[in-house]
N, C-alpha and C. Protein backbone atom coordinates (compact mmCIF):
# COMPACT_ATOMS: atom_id res chain seq x y z
N UNK A 1 12.04 1.92 14.57
CA UNK A 1 11.50 0.77 13.86
C UNK A 1 10.81 1.20 12.56
N UNK A 2 10.00 2.25 12.63
CA UNK A 2 9.30 2.72 11.44
C UNK A 2 10.30 3.22 10.39
N UNK A 3 11.36 3.86 10.83
CA UNK A 3 12.37 4.36 9.89
C UNK A 3 13.03 3.19 9.15
N UNK A 4 13.32 2.11 9.86
CA UNK A 4 13.92 0.94 9.23
C UNK A 4 12.98 0.34 8.19
N UNK A 5 11.70 0.24 8.52
CA UNK A 5 10.72 -0.32 7.59
C UNK A 5 10.58 0.56 6.35
N UNK A 6 10.59 1.87 6.53
CA UNK A 6 10.49 2.77 5.38
C UNK A 6 11.72 2.67 4.47
N UNK A 7 12.89 2.58 5.05
CA UNK A 7 14.11 2.41 4.24
C UNK A 7 14.05 1.08 3.50
N UNK A 8 13.61 0.02 4.17
CA UNK A 8 13.48 -1.28 3.53
C UNK A 8 12.46 -1.21 2.39
N UNK A 9 11.36 -0.51 2.60
CA UNK A 9 10.35 -0.33 1.56
C UNK A 9 10.93 0.39 0.34
N UNK A 10 11.71 1.44 0.58
CA UNK A 10 12.32 2.18 -0.53
C UNK A 10 13.31 1.32 -1.29
N UNK A 11 14.04 0.47 -0.60
CA UNK A 11 14.98 -0.44 -1.27
C UNK A 11 14.22 -1.44 -2.13
N UNK A 12 13.13 -1.99 -1.59
CA UNK A 12 12.33 -2.96 -2.35
C UNK A 12 11.71 -2.30 -3.58
N UNK A 13 11.22 -1.10 -3.44
CA UNK A 13 10.64 -0.37 -4.57
C UNK A 13 11.70 -0.08 -5.63
N UNK A 14 12.90 0.30 -5.20
CA UNK A 14 13.97 0.55 -6.17
C UNK A 14 14.37 -0.75 -6.88
N UNK A 15 14.45 -1.86 -6.15
CA UNK A 15 14.77 -3.14 -6.78
C UNK A 15 13.69 -3.57 -7.77
N UNK A 16 12.44 -3.40 -7.38
CA UNK A 16 11.34 -3.74 -8.29
C UNK A 16 11.38 -2.87 -9.54
N UNK A 17 11.65 -1.59 -9.39
CA UNK A 17 11.78 -0.71 -10.55
C UNK A 17 12.92 -1.13 -11.44
N UNK A 18 14.05 -1.51 -10.86
CA UNK A 18 15.18 -1.97 -11.65
C UNK A 18 14.87 -3.26 -12.40
N UNK A 19 14.18 -4.18 -11.75
CA UNK A 19 13.81 -5.43 -12.41
C UNK A 19 12.85 -5.16 -13.57
N UNK A 20 11.89 -4.29 -13.36
CA UNK A 20 10.94 -3.99 -14.44
C UNK A 20 11.64 -3.30 -15.61
N UNK A 21 12.59 -2.44 -15.34
CA UNK A 21 13.34 -1.82 -16.44
C UNK A 21 14.22 -2.84 -17.16
N UNK A 22 14.79 -3.78 -16.43
CA UNK A 22 15.66 -4.78 -17.03
C UNK A 22 14.90 -5.71 -17.96
N UNK A 23 13.69 -6.09 -17.60
CA UNK A 23 12.92 -7.05 -18.38
C UNK A 23 12.04 -6.40 -19.45
N UNK A 24 12.36 -5.21 -19.87
CA UNK A 24 11.54 -4.49 -20.84
C UNK A 24 11.39 -5.26 -22.15
N UNK A 25 12.46 -5.83 -22.68
CA UNK A 25 12.42 -6.52 -23.98
C UNK A 25 12.72 -8.01 -23.85
N UNK A 26 12.42 -8.59 -22.72
CA UNK A 26 12.73 -10.00 -22.49
C UNK A 26 11.47 -10.73 -22.02
N UNK A 27 11.59 -12.01 -21.87
CA UNK A 27 10.48 -12.79 -21.29
C UNK A 27 10.44 -12.54 -19.79
N UNK A 28 9.25 -12.29 -19.29
CA UNK A 28 9.07 -12.03 -17.87
C UNK A 28 7.89 -12.87 -17.40
N UNK A 29 8.17 -13.86 -16.57
CA UNK A 29 7.17 -14.82 -16.11
C UNK A 29 6.53 -15.50 -17.32
N UNK A 30 5.24 -15.31 -17.54
CA UNK A 30 4.55 -15.92 -18.68
C UNK A 30 4.51 -15.02 -19.90
N UNK A 31 5.03 -13.82 -19.80
CA UNK A 31 4.85 -12.81 -20.83
C UNK A 31 6.13 -12.59 -21.61
N UNK A 32 6.01 -12.49 -22.92
CA UNK A 32 7.14 -12.12 -23.76
C UNK A 32 6.97 -10.64 -24.11
N UNK A 33 7.72 -9.82 -23.41
CA UNK A 33 7.56 -8.37 -23.56
C UNK A 33 8.15 -7.85 -24.86
N UNK A 34 8.98 -8.67 -25.53
CA UNK A 34 9.51 -8.26 -26.83
C UNK A 34 8.41 -8.34 -27.89
N UNK A 35 7.50 -9.30 -27.76
CA UNK A 35 6.40 -9.42 -28.71
C UNK A 35 5.24 -8.48 -28.37
N UNK A 36 4.95 -8.35 -27.09
CA UNK A 36 3.86 -7.50 -26.64
C UNK A 36 4.45 -6.13 -26.29
N UNK A 37 4.61 -5.28 -27.29
CA UNK A 37 5.26 -3.98 -27.10
C UNK A 37 4.47 -3.06 -26.16
N UNK A 38 3.15 -3.16 -26.22
CA UNK A 38 2.33 -2.30 -25.36
C UNK A 38 2.60 -2.59 -23.89
N UNK A 39 2.63 -3.87 -23.55
CA UNK A 39 2.92 -4.26 -22.18
C UNK A 39 4.37 -3.93 -21.82
N UNK A 40 5.28 -4.09 -22.77
CA UNK A 40 6.68 -3.76 -22.52
C UNK A 40 6.87 -2.28 -22.21
N UNK A 41 6.16 -1.42 -22.92
CA UNK A 41 6.25 0.02 -22.63
C UNK A 41 5.68 0.34 -21.26
N UNK A 42 4.57 -0.31 -20.91
CA UNK A 42 3.98 -0.08 -19.59
C UNK A 42 4.93 -0.52 -18.48
N UNK A 43 5.59 -1.65 -18.69
CA UNK A 43 6.54 -2.15 -17.70
C UNK A 43 7.72 -1.19 -17.57
N UNK A 44 8.21 -0.67 -18.68
CA UNK A 44 9.32 0.27 -18.65
C UNK A 44 8.92 1.56 -17.92
N UNK A 45 7.77 2.10 -18.24
CA UNK A 45 7.31 3.33 -17.58
C UNK A 45 7.11 3.09 -16.08
N UNK A 46 6.53 1.96 -15.73
CA UNK A 46 6.33 1.65 -14.31
C UNK A 46 7.66 1.48 -13.60
N UNK A 47 8.64 0.87 -14.27
CA UNK A 47 9.96 0.72 -13.66
C UNK A 47 10.61 2.05 -13.38
N UNK A 48 10.56 2.94 -14.35
CA UNK A 48 11.14 4.28 -14.15
C UNK A 48 10.39 5.05 -13.08
N UNK A 49 9.07 4.91 -13.06
CA UNK A 49 8.29 5.59 -12.01
C UNK A 49 8.65 5.07 -10.63
N UNK A 50 8.82 3.76 -10.50
CA UNK A 50 9.19 3.21 -9.19
C UNK A 50 10.58 3.66 -8.77
N UNK A 51 11.50 3.75 -9.70
CA UNK A 51 12.83 4.28 -9.37
C UNK A 51 12.75 5.74 -8.93
N UNK A 52 11.94 6.52 -9.63
CA UNK A 52 11.76 7.92 -9.27
C UNK A 52 11.09 8.05 -7.90
N UNK A 53 10.09 7.22 -7.64
CA UNK A 53 9.41 7.25 -6.34
C UNK A 53 10.38 6.88 -5.23
N UNK A 54 11.27 5.92 -5.47
CA UNK A 54 12.24 5.53 -4.45
C UNK A 54 13.20 6.68 -4.14
N UNK A 55 13.65 7.37 -5.17
CA UNK A 55 14.56 8.50 -4.95
C UNK A 55 13.84 9.64 -4.23
N UNK A 56 12.64 9.97 -4.69
CA UNK A 56 11.87 11.02 -4.02
C UNK A 56 11.50 10.62 -2.60
N UNK A 57 11.22 9.35 -2.39
CA UNK A 57 10.94 8.87 -1.04
C UNK A 57 12.13 9.04 -0.11
N UNK A 58 13.33 8.82 -0.64
CA UNK A 58 14.53 9.02 0.17
C UNK A 58 14.71 10.50 0.52
N UNK A 59 14.45 11.36 -0.46
CA UNK A 59 14.54 12.81 -0.21
C UNK A 59 13.50 13.22 0.84
N UNK A 60 12.28 12.71 0.71
CA UNK A 60 11.24 13.01 1.69
C UNK A 60 11.63 12.48 3.06
N UNK A 61 12.20 11.28 3.11
CA UNK A 61 12.61 10.67 4.37
C UNK A 61 13.67 11.52 5.08
N UNK A 62 14.59 12.08 4.30
CA UNK A 62 15.68 12.85 4.89
C UNK A 62 15.23 14.25 5.30
N UNK A 63 14.39 14.89 4.49
CA UNK A 63 14.12 16.31 4.69
C UNK A 63 12.81 16.61 5.41
N UNK A 64 11.80 15.79 5.27
CA UNK A 64 10.48 16.12 5.81
C UNK A 64 10.12 15.21 6.98
N UNK A 65 9.08 15.57 7.72
CA UNK A 65 8.64 14.69 8.81
C UNK A 65 8.21 13.32 8.31
N UNK A 66 8.18 12.38 9.21
CA UNK A 66 7.94 10.98 8.87
C UNK A 66 6.56 10.75 8.24
N UNK A 67 5.58 11.53 8.60
CA UNK A 67 4.23 11.32 8.07
C UNK A 67 4.13 11.62 6.57
N UNK A 68 5.06 12.40 6.03
CA UNK A 68 5.05 12.70 4.60
C UNK A 68 5.41 11.50 3.75
N UNK A 69 5.99 10.48 4.36
CA UNK A 69 6.34 9.28 3.60
C UNK A 69 5.12 8.49 3.18
N UNK A 70 3.98 8.84 3.70
CA UNK A 70 2.74 8.20 3.25
C UNK A 70 2.52 8.46 1.76
N UNK A 71 2.97 9.60 1.26
CA UNK A 71 2.88 9.91 -0.17
C UNK A 71 3.65 8.87 -0.98
N UNK A 72 4.84 8.52 -0.51
CA UNK A 72 5.66 7.52 -1.19
C UNK A 72 4.97 6.17 -1.21
N UNK A 73 4.42 5.77 -0.08
CA UNK A 73 3.76 4.47 0.02
C UNK A 73 2.55 4.41 -0.91
N UNK A 74 1.75 5.45 -0.94
CA UNK A 74 0.55 5.47 -1.80
C UNK A 74 0.94 5.48 -3.27
N UNK A 75 1.91 6.30 -3.65
CA UNK A 75 2.33 6.38 -5.05
C UNK A 75 2.90 5.05 -5.53
N UNK A 76 3.74 4.42 -4.73
CA UNK A 76 4.32 3.13 -5.12
C UNK A 76 3.25 2.05 -5.21
N UNK A 77 2.29 2.09 -4.32
CA UNK A 77 1.19 1.12 -4.36
C UNK A 77 0.35 1.30 -5.62
N UNK A 78 0.09 2.53 -6.01
CA UNK A 78 -0.67 2.78 -7.23
C UNK A 78 0.07 2.29 -8.47
N UNK A 79 1.37 2.52 -8.53
CA UNK A 79 2.15 2.09 -9.69
C UNK A 79 2.21 0.56 -9.75
N UNK A 80 2.45 -0.10 -8.63
CA UNK A 80 2.50 -1.56 -8.65
C UNK A 80 1.13 -2.16 -8.95
N UNK A 81 0.08 -1.51 -8.50
CA UNK A 81 -1.27 -1.96 -8.87
C UNK A 81 -1.52 -1.82 -10.36
N UNK A 82 -1.02 -0.74 -10.95
CA UNK A 82 -1.13 -0.53 -12.39
C UNK A 82 -0.40 -1.64 -13.15
N UNK A 83 0.78 -2.02 -12.69
CA UNK A 83 1.53 -3.09 -13.33
C UNK A 83 0.78 -4.41 -13.21
N UNK A 84 0.24 -4.68 -12.04
CA UNK A 84 -0.51 -5.92 -11.86
C UNK A 84 -1.74 -5.98 -12.76
N UNK A 85 -2.46 -4.88 -12.89
CA UNK A 85 -3.62 -4.84 -13.76
C UNK A 85 -3.20 -4.96 -15.23
N UNK A 86 -2.06 -4.41 -15.59
CA UNK A 86 -1.56 -4.54 -16.96
C UNK A 86 -1.23 -5.98 -17.28
N UNK A 87 -0.59 -6.68 -16.35
CA UNK A 87 -0.29 -8.08 -16.56
C UNK A 87 -1.57 -8.92 -16.61
N UNK A 88 -2.51 -8.62 -15.75
CA UNK A 88 -3.77 -9.37 -15.74
C UNK A 88 -4.56 -9.14 -17.03
N UNK A 89 -4.51 -7.96 -17.57
CA UNK A 89 -5.21 -7.66 -18.81
C UNK A 89 -4.57 -8.31 -20.03
N UNK A 90 -3.31 -8.74 -19.90
CA UNK A 90 -2.62 -9.34 -21.03
C UNK A 90 -2.66 -10.87 -21.01
N UNK A 91 -3.36 -11.44 -20.09
CA UNK A 91 -3.45 -12.91 -20.03
C UNK A 91 -4.32 -13.45 -21.13
């Protein structure tokens, strides 16, 4: 059960990273990232970081014991929190 949840988490993180990379120069929710370049760069960096975390999380999942995946969960949570604070600061 835990393995399924971790794989699902990695898929969600990869999808979120892909969405953030896709909307780098477009309107995203209430924000126009083409006009707000600072926020657009932060979104792009966060998207790439989430994609990297998803790939590293898969490597950790395959090669290391299950408890090491806590690193993936914490890192992804920090990056998504950074994105949320960036959006909140741009309101």
